[in-house]
PDB file of N, CA and C in Angstrom:
ATOM      1  N   GLN A   1     -12.095  17.495   0.241  1.00  0.00           N
ATOM      2  CA  GLN A   1     -10.707  17.231   0.581  1.00  0.00           C
ATOM      3  C   GLN A   1     -10.479  15.718   0.638  1.00  0.00           C
ATOM      4  N   VAL A   2      -9.476  15.264  -0.079  1.00  0.00           N
ATOM      5  CA  VAL A   2      -9.182  13.838  -0.118  1.00  0.00           C
ATOM      6  C   VAL A   2      -8.487  13.423   1.174  1.00  0.00           C
ATOM      7  N   ARG A   3      -8.945  12.304   1.750  1.00  0.00           N
ATOM      8  CA  ARG A   3      -8.342  11.785   2.980  1.00  0.00           C
ATOM      9  C   ARG A   3      -8.039  10.305   2.776  1.00  0.00           C
ATOM     10  N   LEU A   4      -6.845   9.914   3.206  1.00  0.00           N
ATOM     11  CA  LEU A   4      -6.387   8.526   3.099  1.00  0.00           C
ATOM     12  C   LEU A   4      -6.029   8.035   4.494  1.00  0.00           C
ATOM     13  N   VAL A   5      -6.574   6.896   4.902  1.00  0.00           N
ATOM     14  CA  VAL A   5      -6.297   6.360   6.234  1.00  0.00           C
ATOM     15  C   VAL A   5      -5.816   4.919   6.089  1.00  0.00           C
ATOM     16  N   GLU A   6      -4.526   4.738   6.336  1.00  0.00           N
ATOM     17  CA  GLU A   6      -3.920   3.417   6.237  1.00  0.00           C
ATOM     18  C   GLU A   6      -3.950   2.711   7.582  1.00  0.00           C
ATOM     19  N   SER A   7      -4.024   1.385   7.546  1.00  0.00           N
ATOM     20  CA  SER A   7      -3.986   0.580   8.768  1.00  0.00           C
ATOM     21  C   SER A   7      -3.504  -0.825   8.429  1.00  0.00           C
ATOM     22  N   GLY A   8      -3.204  -1.600   9.467  1.00  0.00           N
ATOM     23  CA  GLY A   8      -2.848  -2.996   9.289  1.00  0.00           C
ATOM     24  C   GLY A   8      -1.381  -3.327   9.460  1.00  0.00           C
ATOM     25  N   GLY A   9      -0.555  -2.316   9.671  1.00  0.00           N
ATOM     26  CA  GLY A   9       0.857  -2.582   9.859  1.00  0.00           C
ATOM     27  C   GLY A   9       1.135  -3.213  11.207  1.00  0.00           C
ATOM     28  N   GLY A  10       2.414  -3.554  11.418  1.00  0.00           N
ATOM     29  CA  GLY A  10       2.806  -4.146  12.693  1.00  0.00           C
ATOM     30  C   GLY A  10       4.171  -4.784  12.608  1.00  0.00           C
ATOM     31  N   LEU A  11       4.484  -5.529  13.642  1.00  0.00           N
ATOM     32  CA  LEU A  11       5.750  -6.255  13.730  1.00  0.00           C
ATOM     33  C   LEU A  11       5.495  -7.713  13.356  1.00  0.00           C
ATOM     34  N   VAL A  12       6.279  -8.228  12.423  1.00  0.00           N
ATOM     35  CA  VAL A  12       6.104  -9.600  11.976  1.00  0.00           C
ATOM     36  C   VAL A  12       7.470 -10.221  11.745  1.00  0.00           C
ATOM     37  N   GLN A  13       7.548 -11.525  11.947  1.00  0.00           N
ATOM     38  CA  GLN A  13       8.805 -12.221  11.715  1.00  0.00           C
ATOM     39  C   GLN A  13       9.037 -12.443  10.227  1.00  0.00           C
ATOM     40  N   PRO A  14      10.280 -12.599   9.821  1.00  0.00           N
ATOM     41  CA  PRO A  14      10.556 -12.921   8.416  1.00  0.00           C
ATOM     42  C   PRO A  14       9.773 -14.157   7.982  1.00  0.00           C
ATOM     43  N   GLY A  15       9.205 -14.065   6.782  1.00  0.00           N
ATOM     44  CA  GLY A  15       8.354 -15.135   6.275  1.00  0.00           C
ATOM     45  C   GLY A  15       6.896 -14.973   6.622  1.00  0.00           C
ATOM     46  N   GLY A  16       6.587 -14.017   7.475  1.00  0.00           N
ATOM     47  CA  GLY A  16       5.214 -13.800   7.897  1.00  0.00           C
ATOM     48  C   GLY A  16       4.407 -12.984   6.900  1.00  0.00           C
ATOM     49  N   SER A  17       3.161 -12.717   7.285  1.00  0.00           N
ATOM     50  CA  SER A  17       2.232 -12.018   6.401  1.00  0.00           C
ATOM     51  C   SER A  17       1.522 -10.889   7.137  1.00  0.00           C
ATOM     52  N   LEU A  18       1.119  -9.892   6.381  1.00  0.00           N
ATOM     53  CA  LEU A  18       0.276  -8.802   6.869  1.00  0.00           C
ATOM     54  C   LEU A  18      -0.637  -8.378   5.735  1.00  0.00           C
ATOM     55  N   GLU A  19      -1.779  -7.796   6.098  1.00  0.00           N
ATOM     56  CA  GLU A  19      -2.634  -7.174   5.098  1.00  0.00           C
ATOM     57  C   GLU A  19      -2.896  -5.732   5.505  1.00  0.00           C
ATOM     58  N   LEU A  20      -2.512  -4.827   4.628  1.00  0.00           N
ATOM     59  CA  LEU A  20      -2.740  -3.408   4.839  1.00  0.00           C
ATOM     60  C   LEU A  20      -4.044  -2.992   4.170  1.00  0.00           C
ATOM     61  N   SER A  21      -4.687  -2.002   4.779  1.00  0.00           N
ATOM     62  CA  SER A  21      -5.905  -1.428   4.211  1.00  0.00           C
ATOM     63  C   SER A  21      -5.761   0.079   4.139  1.00  0.00           C
ATOM     64  N   CYS A  22      -6.434   0.674   3.184  1.00  0.00           N
ATOM     65  CA  CYS A  22      -6.447   2.134   3.061  1.00  0.00           C
ATOM     66  C   CYS A  22      -7.857   2.550   2.660  1.00  0.00           C
ATOM     67  N   VAL A  23      -8.494   3.303   3.544  1.00  0.00           N
ATOM     68  CA  VAL A  23      -9.828   3.829   3.271  1.00  0.00           C
ATOM     69  C   VAL A  23      -9.688   5.244   2.721  1.00  0.00           C
ATOM     70  N   VAL A  24     -10.385   5.491   1.630  1.00  0.00           N
ATOM     71  CA  VAL A  24     -10.272   6.764   0.922  1.00  0.00           C
ATOM     72  C   VAL A  24     -11.592   7.523   0.991  1.00  0.00           C
ATOM     73  N   SER A  25     -11.534   8.805   1.263  1.00  0.00           N
ATOM     74  CA  SER A  25     -12.722   9.648   1.248  1.00  0.00           C
ATOM     75  C   SER A  25     -12.409  10.955   0.548  1.00  0.00           C
ATOM     76  N   GLY A  26     -13.475  11.657   0.137  1.00  0.00           N
ATOM     77  CA  GLY A  26     -13.294  12.964  -0.485  1.00  0.00           C
ATOM     78  C   GLY A  26     -13.098  12.920  -1.983  1.00  0.00           C
ATOM     79  N   THR A  27     -13.231  11.764  -2.578  1.00  0.00           N
ATOM     80  CA  THR A  27     -13.114  11.625  -4.026  1.00  0.00           C
ATOM     81  C   THR A  27     -13.952  10.422  -4.459  1.00  0.00           C
ATOM     82  N   ASP A  28     -14.264  10.356  -5.747  1.00  0.00           N
ATOM     83  CA  ASP A  28     -14.995   9.200  -6.270  1.00  0.00           C
ATOM     84  C   ASP A  28     -14.008   8.055  -6.456  1.00  0.00           C
ATOM     85  N   PHE A  29     -13.927   7.197  -5.454  1.00  0.00           N
ATOM     86  CA  PHE A  29     -12.902   6.162  -5.408  1.00  0.00           C
ATOM     87  C   PHE A  29     -12.921   5.281  -6.649  1.00  0.00           C
ATOM     88  N   SER A  30     -14.110   4.962  -7.149  1.00  0.00           N
ATOM     89  CA  SER A  30     -14.212   4.011  -8.257  1.00  0.00           C
ATOM     90  C   SER A  30     -13.604   4.545  -9.557  1.00  0.00           C
ATOM     91  N   THR A  31     -13.354   5.840  -9.625  1.00  0.00           N
ATOM     92  CA  THR A  31     -12.789   6.443 -10.836  1.00  0.00           C
ATOM     93  C   THR A  31     -11.304   6.751 -10.695  1.00  0.00           C
ATOM     94  N   GLN A  32     -10.691   6.269  -9.608  1.00  0.00           N
ATOM     95  CA  GLN A  32      -9.299   6.589  -9.330  1.00  0.00           C
ATOM     96  C   GLN A  32      -8.399   5.349  -9.373  1.00  0.00           C
ATOM     97  N   ALA A  33      -7.275   5.475 -10.065  1.00  0.00           N
ATOM     98  CA  ALA A  33      -6.222   4.484  -9.923  1.00  0.00           C
ATOM     99  C   ALA A  33      -5.563   4.682  -8.562  1.00  0.00           C
ATOM    100  N   MET A  34      -5.211   3.579  -7.918  1.00  0.00           N
ATOM    101  CA  MET A  34      -4.655   3.642  -6.570  1.00  0.00           C
ATOM    102  C   MET A  34      -3.301   2.949  -6.513  1.00  0.00           C
ATOM    103  N   GLY A  35      -2.485   3.387  -5.586  1.00  0.00           N
ATOM    104  CA  GLY A  35      -1.177   2.774  -5.441  1.00  0.00           C
ATOM    105  C   GLY A  35      -0.771   2.641  -3.986  1.00  0.00           C
ATOM    106  N   TRP A  36       0.192   1.775  -3.746  1.00  0.00           N
ATOM    107  CA  TRP A  36       0.868   1.654  -2.454  1.00  0.00           C
ATOM    108  C   TRP A  36       2.338   2.021  -2.654  1.00  0.00           C
ATOM    109  N   TYR A  37       2.821   2.846  -1.744  1.00  0.00           N
ATOM    110  CA  TYR A  37       4.222   3.249  -1.721  1.00  0.00           C
ATOM    111  C   TYR A  37       4.807   2.850  -0.373  1.00  0.00           C
ATOM    112  N   ARG A  38       6.124   2.886  -0.291  1.00  0.00           N
ATOM    113  CA  ARG A  38       6.766   2.680   1.000  1.00  0.00           C
ATOM    114  C   ARG A  38       8.010   3.544   1.098  1.00  0.00           C
ATOM    115  N   GLN A  39       8.367   3.842   2.353  1.00  0.00           N
ATOM    116  CA  GLN A  39       9.568   4.623   2.609  1.00  0.00           C
ATOM    117  C   GLN A  39      10.300   4.023   3.793  1.00  0.00           C
ATOM    118  N   ALA A  40      11.479   3.515   3.508  1.00  0.00           N
ATOM    119  CA  ALA A  40      12.335   2.949   4.543  1.00  0.00           C
ATOM    120  C   ALA A  40      13.202   4.066   5.133  1.00  0.00           C
ATOM    121  N   PRO A  41      13.706   3.879   6.349  1.00  0.00           N
ATOM    122  CA  PRO A  41      14.544   4.912   6.975  1.00  0.00           C
ATOM    123  C   PRO A  41      15.736   5.285   6.093  1.00  0.00           C
ATOM    124  N   GLY A  42      15.895   6.570   5.867  1.00  0.00           N
ATOM    125  CA  GLY A  42      17.010   7.055   5.079  1.00  0.00           C
ATOM    126  C   GLY A  42      16.895   6.865   3.582  1.00  0.00           C
ATOM    127  N   LYS A  43      15.738   6.394   3.123  1.00  0.00           N
ATOM    128  CA  LYS A  43      15.546   6.152   1.695  1.00  0.00           C
ATOM    129  C   LYS A  43      14.379   6.971   1.160  1.00  0.00           C
ATOM    130  N   ARG A  44      14.338   7.089  -0.169  1.00  0.00           N
ATOM    131  CA  ARG A  44      13.248   7.795  -0.806  1.00  0.00           C
ATOM    132  C   ARG A  44      11.983   6.927  -0.829  1.00  0.00           C
ATOM    133  N   ARG A  45      10.852   7.598  -0.873  1.00  0.00           N
ATOM    134  CA  ARG A  45       9.591   6.885  -1.011  1.00  0.00           C
ATOM    135  C   ARG A  45       9.553   6.223  -2.392  1.00  0.00           C
ATOM    136  N   GLU A  46       9.095   4.975  -2.435  1.00  0.00           N
ATOM    137  CA  GLU A  46       9.086   4.245  -3.698  1.00  0.00           C
ATOM    138  C   GLU A  46       7.749   3.547  -3.915  1.00  0.00           C
ATOM    139  N   LEU A  47       7.376   3.439  -5.195  1.00  0.00           N
ATOM    140  CA  LEU A  47       6.150   2.733  -5.549  1.00  0.00           C
ATOM    141  C   LEU A  47       6.332   1.232  -5.296  1.00  0.00           C
ATOM    142  N   VAL A  48       5.306   0.620  -4.713  1.00  0.00           N
ATOM    143  CA  VAL A  48       5.298  -0.822  -4.502  1.00  0.00           C
ATOM    144  C   VAL A  48       4.404  -1.499  -5.537  1.00  0.00           C
ATOM    145  N   ALA A  49       3.170  -0.994  -5.672  1.00  0.00           N
ATOM    146  CA  ALA A  49       2.210  -1.595  -6.600  1.00  0.00           C
ATOM    147  C   ALA A  49       1.132  -0.560  -6.897  1.00  0.00           C
ATOM    148  N   ARG A  50       0.448  -0.755  -8.017  1.00  0.00           N
ATOM    149  CA  ARG A  50      -0.684   0.110  -8.319  1.00  0.00           C
ATOM    150  C   ARG A  50      -1.764  -0.698  -9.019  1.00  0.00           C
ATOM    151  N   ILE A  51      -3.002  -0.193  -8.922  1.00  0.00           N
ATOM    152  CA  ILE A  51      -4.153  -0.872  -9.530  1.00  0.00           C
ATOM    153  C   ILE A  51      -5.017   0.177 -10.196  1.00  0.00           C
ATOM    154  N   SER A  52      -5.390  -0.084 -11.436  1.00  0.00           N
ATOM    155  CA  SER A  52      -6.187   0.875 -12.187  1.00  0.00           C
ATOM    156  C   SER A  52      -7.666   0.703 -11.873  1.00  0.00           C
ATOM    157  N   ILE A  53      -8.485   1.582 -12.470  1.00  0.00           N
ATOM    158  CA  ILE A  53      -9.921   1.479 -12.244  1.00  0.00           C
ATOM    159  C   ILE A  53     -10.491   0.213 -12.867  1.00  0.00           C
ATOM    160  N   LEU A  54      -9.808  -0.340 -13.860  1.00  0.00           N
ATOM    161  CA  LEU A  54     -10.227  -1.603 -14.474  1.00  0.00           C
ATOM    162  C   LEU A  54      -9.471  -2.790 -13.882  1.00  0.00           C
ATOM    163  N   ARG A  55      -8.765  -2.534 -12.756  1.00  0.00           N
ATOM    164  CA  ARG A  55      -8.022  -3.567 -12.023  1.00  0.00           C
ATOM    165  C   ARG A  55      -6.837  -4.114 -12.801  1.00  0.00           C
ATOM    166  N   SER A  56      -6.302  -3.313 -13.703  1.00  0.00           N
ATOM    167  CA  SER A  56      -4.997  -3.631 -14.278  1.00  0.00           C
ATOM    168  C   SER A  56      -3.954  -3.355 -13.202  1.00  0.00           C
ATOM    169  N   ILE A  57      -3.019  -4.275 -13.004  1.00  0.00           N
ATOM    170  CA  ILE A  57      -2.115  -4.217 -11.856  1.00  0.00           C
ATOM    171  C   ILE A  57      -0.658  -4.196 -12.299  1.00  0.00           C
ATOM    172  N   TYR A  58       0.116  -3.415 -11.566  1.00  0.00           N
ATOM    173  CA  TYR A  58       1.561  -3.360 -11.757  1.00  0.00           C
ATOM    174  C   TYR A  58       2.231  -3.576 -10.418  1.00  0.00           C
ATOM    175  N   TYR A  59       3.292  -4.403 -10.406  1.00  0.00           N
ATOM    176  CA  TYR A  59       4.110  -4.607  -9.212  1.00  0.00           C
ATOM    177  C   TYR A  59       5.565  -4.294  -9.527  1.00  0.00           C
ATOM    178  N   GLN A  60       6.224  -3.715  -8.549  1.00  0.00           N
ATOM    179  CA  GLN A  60       7.667  -3.603  -8.658  1.00  0.00           C
ATOM    180  C   GLN A  60       8.270  -5.003  -8.529  1.00  0.00           C
ATOM    181  N   ASP A  61       9.414  -5.190  -9.172  1.00  0.00           N
ATOM    182  CA  ASP A  61      10.028  -6.526  -9.194  1.00  0.00           C
ATOM    183  C   ASP A  61      10.290  -7.052  -7.789  1.00  0.00           C
ATOM    184  N   PHE A  62      10.607  -6.153  -6.850  1.00  0.00           N
ATOM    185  CA  PHE A  62      11.015  -6.628  -5.531  1.00  0.00           C
ATOM    186  C   PHE A  62       9.852  -7.178  -4.706  1.00  0.00           C
ATOM    187  N   VAL A  63       8.613  -7.065  -5.184  1.00  0.00           N
ATOM    188  CA  VAL A  63       7.472  -7.643  -4.467  1.00  0.00           C
ATOM    189  C   VAL A  63       6.680  -8.632  -5.312  1.00  0.00           C
ATOM    190  N   LYS A  64       7.040  -8.795  -6.555  1.00  0.00           N
ATOM    191  CA  LYS A  64       6.302  -9.723  -7.428  1.00  0.00           C
ATOM    192  C   LYS A  64       6.291 -11.133  -6.837  1.00  0.00           C
ATOM    193  N   GLY A  65       5.098 -11.732  -6.839  1.00  0.00           N
ATOM    194  CA  GLY A  65       4.945 -13.085  -6.309  1.00  0.00           C
ATOM    195  C   GLY A  65       4.759 -13.141  -4.807  1.00  0.00           C
ATOM    196  N   ARG A  66       4.942 -12.017  -4.116  1.00  0.00           N
ATOM    197  CA  ARG A  66       4.796 -11.987  -2.657  1.00  0.00           C
ATOM    198  C   ARG A  66       3.649 -11.082  -2.215  1.00  0.00           C
ATOM    199  N   PHE A  67       3.450  -9.977  -2.905  1.00  0.00           N
ATOM    200  CA  PHE A  67       2.434  -9.001  -2.519  1.00  0.00           C
ATOM    201  C   PHE A  67       1.277  -9.031  -3.514  1.00  0.00           C
ATOM    202  N   THR A  68       0.068  -8.727  -3.025  1.00  0.00           N
ATOM    203  CA  THR A  68      -1.114  -8.655  -3.874  1.00  0.00           C
ATOM    204  C   THR A  68      -1.889  -7.380  -3.556  1.00  0.00           C
ATOM    205  N   ILE A  69      -2.102  -6.560  -4.554  1.00  0.00           N
ATOM    206  CA  ILE A  69      -2.920  -5.355  -4.390  1.00  0.00           C
ATOM    207  C   ILE A  69      -4.325  -5.655  -4.898  1.00  0.00           C
ATOM    208  N   SER A  70      -5.315  -5.110  -4.197  1.00  0.00           N
ATOM    209  CA  SER A  70      -6.701  -5.293  -4.610  1.00  0.00           C
ATOM    210  C   SER A  70      -7.502  -4.084  -4.156  1.00  0.00           C
ATOM    211  N   ARG A  71      -8.738  -3.992  -4.654  1.00  0.00           N
ATOM    212  CA  ARG A  71      -9.581  -2.873  -4.272  1.00  0.00           C
ATOM    213  C   ARG A  71     -11.019  -3.331  -4.133  1.00  0.00           C
ATOM    214  N   ASP A  72     -11.742  -2.633  -3.253  1.00  0.00           N
ATOM    215  CA  ASP A  72     -13.167  -2.859  -3.066  1.00  0.00           C
ATOM    216  C   ASP A  72     -13.849  -1.507  -3.219  1.00  0.00           C
ATOM    217  N   ASN A  73     -14.442  -1.279  -4.382  1.00  0.00           N
ATOM    218  CA  ASN A  73     -15.033   0.035  -4.644  1.00  0.00           C
ATOM    219  C   ASN A  73     -16.240   0.318  -3.740  1.00  0.00           C
ATOM    220  N   ALA A  74     -16.923  -0.726  -3.308  1.00  0.00           N
ATOM    221  CA  ALA A  74     -18.071  -0.530  -2.426  1.00  0.00           C
ATOM    222  C   ALA A  74     -17.644  -0.013  -1.058  1.00  0.00           C
ATOM    223  N   LYS A  75     -16.400  -0.301  -0.677  1.00  0.00           N
ATOM    224  CA  LYS A  75     -15.891   0.125   0.633  1.00  0.00           C
ATOM    225  C   LYS A  75     -14.876   1.254   0.522  1.00  0.00           C
ATOM    226  N   ASN A  76     -14.667   1.774  -0.708  1.00  0.00           N
ATOM    227  CA  ASN A  76     -13.669   2.839  -0.907  1.00  0.00           C
ATOM    228  C   ASN A  76     -12.318   2.451  -0.304  1.00  0.00           C
ATOM    229  N   THR A  77     -11.926   1.213  -0.488  1.00  0.00           N
ATOM    230  CA  THR A  77     -10.746   0.686   0.181  1.00  0.00           C
ATOM    231  C   THR A  77      -9.822  -0.029  -0.814  1.00  0.00           C
ATOM    232  N   VAL A  78      -8.533   0.213  -0.643  1.00  0.00           N
ATOM    233  CA  VAL A  78      -7.514  -0.517  -1.380  1.00  0.00           C
ATOM    234  C   VAL A  78      -6.700  -1.321  -0.370  1.00  0.00           C
ATOM    235  N   TYR A  79      -6.307  -2.537  -0.767  1.00  0.00           N
ATOM    236  CA  TYR A  79      -5.610  -3.445   0.125  1.00  0.00           C
ATOM    237  C   TYR A  79      -4.235  -3.803  -0.433  1.00  0.00           C
ATOM    238  N   LEU A  80      -3.360  -4.209   0.474  1.00  0.00           N
ATOM    239  CA  LEU A  80      -2.083  -4.768   0.070  1.00  0.00           C
ATOM    240  C   LEU A  80      -1.820  -5.983   0.950  1.00  0.00           C
ATOM    241  N   ARG A  81      -1.952  -7.158   0.353  1.00  0.00           N
ATOM    242  CA  ARG A  81      -1.643  -8.391   1.061  1.00  0.00           C
ATOM    243  C   ARG A  81      -0.163  -8.685   0.856  1.00  0.00           C
ATOM    244  N   MET A  82       0.545  -8.854   1.962  1.00  0.00           N
ATOM    245  CA  MET A  82       1.992  -9.062   1.908  1.00  0.00           C
ATOM    246  C   MET A  82       2.340 -10.410   2.519  1.00  0.00           C
ATOM    247  N   ASN A  83       2.881 -11.291   1.711  1.00  0.00           N
ATOM    248  CA  ASN A  83       3.319 -12.607   2.161  1.00  0.00           C
ATOM    249  C   ASN A  83       4.838 -12.726   2.048  1.00  0.00           C
ATOM    250  N   SER A  84       5.384 -13.729   2.702  1.00  0.00           N
ATOM    251  CA  SER A  84       6.829 -13.995   2.639  1.00  0.00           C
ATOM    252  C   SER A  84       7.633 -12.731   2.908  1.00  0.00           C
ATOM    253  N   LEU A  85       7.281 -12.045   3.952  1.00  0.00           N
ATOM    254  CA  LEU A  85       7.922 -10.764   4.250  1.00  0.00           C
ATOM    255  C   LEU A  85       9.392 -10.942   4.600  1.00  0.00           C
ATOM    256  N   LYS A  86      10.176  -9.948   4.188  1.00  0.00           N
ATOM    257  CA  LYS A  86      11.621  -9.950   4.403  1.00  0.00           C
ATOM    258  C   LYS A  86      11.998  -8.724   5.243  1.00  0.00           C
ATOM    259  N   PRO A  87      13.133  -8.772   5.939  1.00  0.00           N
ATOM    260  CA  PRO A  87      13.559  -7.595   6.711  1.00  0.00           C
ATOM    261  C   PRO A  87      13.642  -6.335   5.848  1.00  0.00           C
ATOM    262  N   GLU A  88      14.007  -6.483   4.595  1.00  0.00           N
ATOM    263  CA  GLU A  88      14.120  -5.313   3.711  1.00  0.00           C
ATOM    264  C   GLU A  88      12.768  -4.716   3.322  1.00  0.00           C
ATOM    265  N   ASP A  89      11.663  -5.374   3.694  1.00  0.00           N
ATOM    266  CA  ASP A  89      10.334  -4.797   3.486  1.00  0.00           C
ATOM    267  C   ASP A  89       9.955  -3.821   4.598  1.00  0.00           C
ATOM    268  N   THR A  90      10.795  -3.728   5.618  1.00  0.00           N
ATOM    269  CA  THR A  90      10.528  -2.807   6.722  1.00  0.00           C
ATOM    270  C   THR A  90      10.476  -1.371   6.205  1.00  0.00           C
ATOM    271  N   ALA A  91       9.368  -0.699   6.465  1.00  0.00           N
ATOM    272  CA  ALA A  91       9.153   0.664   5.978  1.00  0.00           C
ATOM    273  C   ALA A  91       7.816   1.174   6.489  1.00  0.00           C
ATOM    274  N   ILE A  92       7.586   2.451   6.273  1.00  0.00           N
ATOM    275  CA  ILE A  92       6.238   2.996   6.427  1.00  0.00           C
ATOM    276  C   ILE A  92       5.552   2.873   5.070  1.00  0.00           C
ATOM    277  N   TYR A  93       4.362   2.310   5.079  1.00  0.00           N
ATOM    278  CA  TYR A  93       3.618   2.081   3.849  1.00  0.00           C
ATOM    279  C   TYR A  93       2.493   3.106   3.736  1.00  0.00           C
ATOM    280  N   TYR A  94       2.378   3.687   2.549  1.00  0.00           N
ATOM    281  CA  TYR A  94       1.377   4.719   2.267  1.00  0.00           C
ATOM    282  C   TYR A  94       0.553   4.318   1.043  1.00  0.00           C
ATOM    283  N   CYS A  95      -0.726   4.639   1.062  1.00  0.00           N
ATOM    284  CA  CYS A  95      -1.489   4.499  -0.168  1.00  0.00           C
ATOM    285  C   CYS A  95      -1.571   5.868  -0.845  1.00  0.00           C
ATOM    286  N   SER A  96      -1.924   5.844  -2.104  1.00  0.00           N
ATOM    287  CA  SER A  96      -1.940   7.073  -2.882  1.00  0.00           C
ATOM    288  C   SER A  96      -3.017   7.008  -3.946  1.00  0.00           C
ATOM    289  N   VAL A  97      -3.672   8.146  -4.167  1.00  0.00           N
ATOM    290  CA  VAL A  97      -4.507   8.323  -5.347  1.00  0.00           C
ATOM    291  C   VAL A  97      -3.547   8.743  -6.453  1.00  0.00           C
ATOM    292  N   MET A  98      -3.422   7.922  -7.477  1.00  0.00           N
ATOM    293  CA  MET A  98      -2.299   8.047  -8.398  1.00  0.00           C
ATOM    294  C   MET A  98      -2.275   9.380  -9.150  1.00  0.00           C
ATOM    295  N   ASN A  99      -3.416  10.007  -9.380  1.00  0.00           N
ATOM    296  CA  ASN A  99      -3.374  11.263 -10.141  1.00  0.00           C
ATOM    297  C   ASN A  99      -3.453  12.486  -9.243  1.00  0.00           C
ATOM    298  N   LEU A 100      -3.232  12.295  -7.940  1.00  0.00           N
ATOM    299  CA  LEU A 100      -3.204  13.409  -6.997  1.00  0.00           C
ATOM    300  C   LEU A 100      -1.840  13.435  -6.322  1.00  0.00           C
ATOM    301  N   SER A 101      -0.941  14.241  -6.850  1.00  0.00           N
ATOM    302  CA  SER A 101       0.398  14.274  -6.272  1.00  0.00           C
ATOM    303  C   SER A 101       0.374  15.021  -4.943  1.00  0.00           C
ATOM    304  N   GLY A 102       1.194  14.563  -4.033  1.00  0.00           N
ATOM    305  CA  GLY A 102       1.358  15.259  -2.767  1.00  0.00           C
ATOM    306  C   GLY A 102       0.279  14.999  -1.735  1.00  0.00           C
ATOM    307  N   VAL A 103      -0.655  14.100  -2.035  1.00  0.00           N
ATOM    308  CA  VAL A 103      -1.714  13.778  -1.073  1.00  0.00           C
ATOM    309  C   VAL A 103      -1.380  12.430  -0.448  1.00  0.00           C
ATOM    310  N   TRP A 104      -1.131  12.445   0.860  1.00  0.00           N
ATOM    311  CA  TRP A 104      -0.722  11.232   1.565  1.00  0.00           C
ATOM    312  C   TRP A 104      -1.479  11.109   2.872  1.00  0.00           C
ATOM    313  N   GLY A 105      -1.625   9.879   3.302  1.00  0.00           N
ATOM    314  CA  GLY A 105      -2.129   9.635   4.640  1.00  0.00           C
ATOM    315  C   GLY A 105      -0.980   9.617   5.631  1.00  0.00           C
ATOM    316  N   GLN A 106      -1.277   9.134   6.837  1.00  0.00           N
ATOM    317  CA  GLN A 106      -0.248   9.093   7.872  1.00  0.00           C
ATOM    318  C   GLN A 106       0.671   7.888   7.712  1.00  0.00           C
ATOM    319  N   GLY A 107       0.256   6.934   6.897  1.00  0.00           N
ATOM    320  CA  GLY A 107       1.065   5.742   6.695  1.00  0.00           C
ATOM    321  C   GLY A 107       0.863   4.730   7.805  1.00  0.00           C
ATOM    322  N   THR A 108       1.367   3.515   7.565  1.00  0.00           N
ATOM    323  CA  THR A 108       1.313   2.459   8.576  1.00  0.00           C
ATOM    324  C   THR A 108       2.668   1.751   8.590  1.00  0.00           C
ATOM    325  N   GLN A 109       3.221   1.601   9.783  1.00  0.00           N
ATOM    326  CA  GLN A 109       4.566   1.051   9.936  1.00  0.00           C
ATOM    327  C   GLN A 109       4.543  -0.467   9.814  1.00  0.00           C
ATOM    328  N   VAL A 110       5.411  -0.989   8.976  1.00  0.00           N
ATOM    329  CA  VAL A 110       5.622  -2.426   8.852  1.00  0.00           C
ATOM    330  C   VAL A 110       7.067  -2.711   9.249  1.00  0.00           C
ATOM    331  N   THR A 111       7.235  -3.572  10.241  1.00  0.00           N
ATOM    332  CA  THR A 111       8.570  -3.951  10.701  1.00  0.00           C
ATOM    333  C   THR A 111       8.701  -5.461  10.610  1.00  0.00           C
ATOM    334  N   VAL A 112       9.702  -5.909   9.861  1.00  0.00           N
ATOM    335  CA  VAL A 112       9.948  -7.332   9.688  1.00  0.00           C
ATOM    336  C   VAL A 112      11.258  -7.668  10.389  1.00  0.00           C
ATOM    337  N   SER A 113      11.140  -8.396  11.485  1.00  0.00           N
ATOM    338  CA  SER A 113      12.316  -8.670  12.303  1.00  0.00           C
ATOM    339  C   SER A 113      12.076  -9.897  13.159  1.00  0.00           C
ATOM    340  N   SER A 114      13.165 -10.626  13.397  1.00  0.00           N
ATOM    341  CA  SER A 114      13.057 -11.775  14.286  1.00  0.00           C
ATOM    342  C   SER A 114      13.425 -11.362  15.711  1.00  0.00           C
TER     343      SER A 114
END
């Protein structure tokens, strides 16, 4: 059974930074493309970034230049470094195994507010 455990969220002021982590178990992590999604109150869940097994990376335009996705296959962990945070980045952030639909962790809350 695949399990995803996100952590690293919190309350940060605009312009601040956070680094999210997601530990994955129950699958061969090194053979999986991984992604980060977010869901703001009253909005649909949306893709933020994804990283392939060869570390090919895609970012949505609204985070380009501010967020960095990375992975450590030895630790079965995917990261999302978030810089220059804006109030509109406030959401619950989830990681995902890209070829496993409907499998989610509990998410980690990110709140950007002064």
